[in-house]
Amino acid sequence: MPLWGLVGLCIALLLLAVYWPPLARVLSVEDPGASGWTVAVLSSLAPLVDGQLTLMRRFRERLGTTELESGS
């Protein structure tokens, strides 16, 4: 299954756990509301942003090293 399919499956399971009453009762969860979902989405994006910033930093470091070596 492709990555985005797995992401979709995880989202579906989260929604099922919150909005399907029998499962919500067993798991003792309640609807977090709009502000709760906003916090959850923004928090889940933090590792993505961090990873992209790390990749950019590494790319710039590698590019800088290559320029210094070729300039000598």
Protein backbone atom coordinates (compact mmCIF):
# COMPACT_ATOMS: atom_id res chain seq x y z
CA MET A 1 0.00 0.00 0.00
CA PRO A 2 1.48 3.39 -0.88
CA LEU A 3 2.45 5.85 1.82
CA TRP A 4 -0.55 8.12 1.31
CA GLY A 5 -2.88 5.14 1.52
CA LEU A 6 -1.42 4.28 4.92
CA VAL A 7 -1.77 7.90 6.05
CA GLY A 8 -5.41 7.81 4.97
CA LEU A 9 -5.94 4.55 6.85
CA CYS A 10 -4.51 6.09 10.04
CA ILE A 11 -6.74 9.13 9.70
CA ALA A 12 -9.78 6.90 9.15
CA LEU A 13 -8.94 4.87 12.27
CA LEU A 14 -8.57 8.02 14.35
CA LEU A 15 -11.92 9.35 13.16
CA LEU A 16 -13.53 5.97 13.76
CA ALA A 17 -12.19 5.87 17.32
CA VAL A 18 -13.57 9.33 18.07
CA TYR A 19 -16.89 9.36 16.20
CA TRP A 20 -18.12 5.74 16.33
CA PRO A 21 -19.91 5.61 19.70
CA PRO A 22 -19.22 1.94 20.64
CA LEU A 23 -15.48 2.31 20.03
CA ALA A 24 -15.36 5.77 21.61
CA ARG A 25 -16.97 4.33 24.75
CA VAL A 26 -14.50 1.45 24.96
CA LEU A 27 -11.54 3.80 24.44
CA SER A 28 -13.05 6.51 26.68
CA VAL A 29 -12.47 9.28 24.12
CA GLU A 30 -14.52 12.36 23.39
CA ASP A 31 -14.71 14.69 20.43
CA PRO A 32 -11.82 17.15 20.82
CA GLY A 33 -13.66 19.87 18.91
CA ALA A 34 -12.20 22.17 16.29
CA SER A 35 -9.47 23.57 18.53
CA GLY A 36 -8.38 20.10 19.62
CA TRP A 37 -8.18 18.85 16.03
CA THR A 38 -6.22 21.96 15.08
CA VAL A 39 -3.67 21.29 17.81
CA ALA A 40 -3.43 17.63 16.74
CA VAL A 41 -2.88 18.48 13.06
CA LEU A 42 -0.34 21.21 13.75
CA SER A 43 1.53 18.97 16.20
CA SER A 44 1.66 16.14 13.69
CA LEU A 45 3.15 18.50 11.08
CA ALA A 46 6.04 19.48 13.36
CA PRO A 47 8.21 16.41 12.53
CA LEU A 48 7.61 16.99 8.82
CA VAL A 49 8.76 20.61 9.03
CA ASP A 50 11.74 19.64 11.17
CA GLY A 51 12.74 16.92 8.71
CA GLN A 52 12.53 19.27 5.74
CA LEU A 53 14.60 21.92 7.52
CA THR A 54 17.22 19.29 8.38
CA LEU A 55 17.37 18.15 4.75
CA MET A 56 17.77 21.75 3.57
CA ARG A 57 20.57 22.36 6.08
CA ARG A 58 22.42 19.19 5.03
CA PHE A 59 22.00 20.06 1.35
CA ARG A 60 23.40 23.56 1.92
CA GLU A 61 26.33 22.16 3.94
CA ARG A 62 27.12 19.64 1.22
CA LEU A 63 26.81 22.30 -1.48
CA GLY A 64 29.11 24.62 0.47
CA THR A 65 31.69 21.87 0.92
CA THR A 66 31.62 21.06 -2.81
CA GLU A 67 32.09 24.73 -3.74
CA LEU A 68 35.07 25.06 -1.41
CA GLU A 69 36.73 21.94 -2.79
CA SER A 70 36.27 22.94 -6.44
CA GLY A 71 37.47 26.51 -5.75
CA SER A 72 40.89 25.37 -4.48
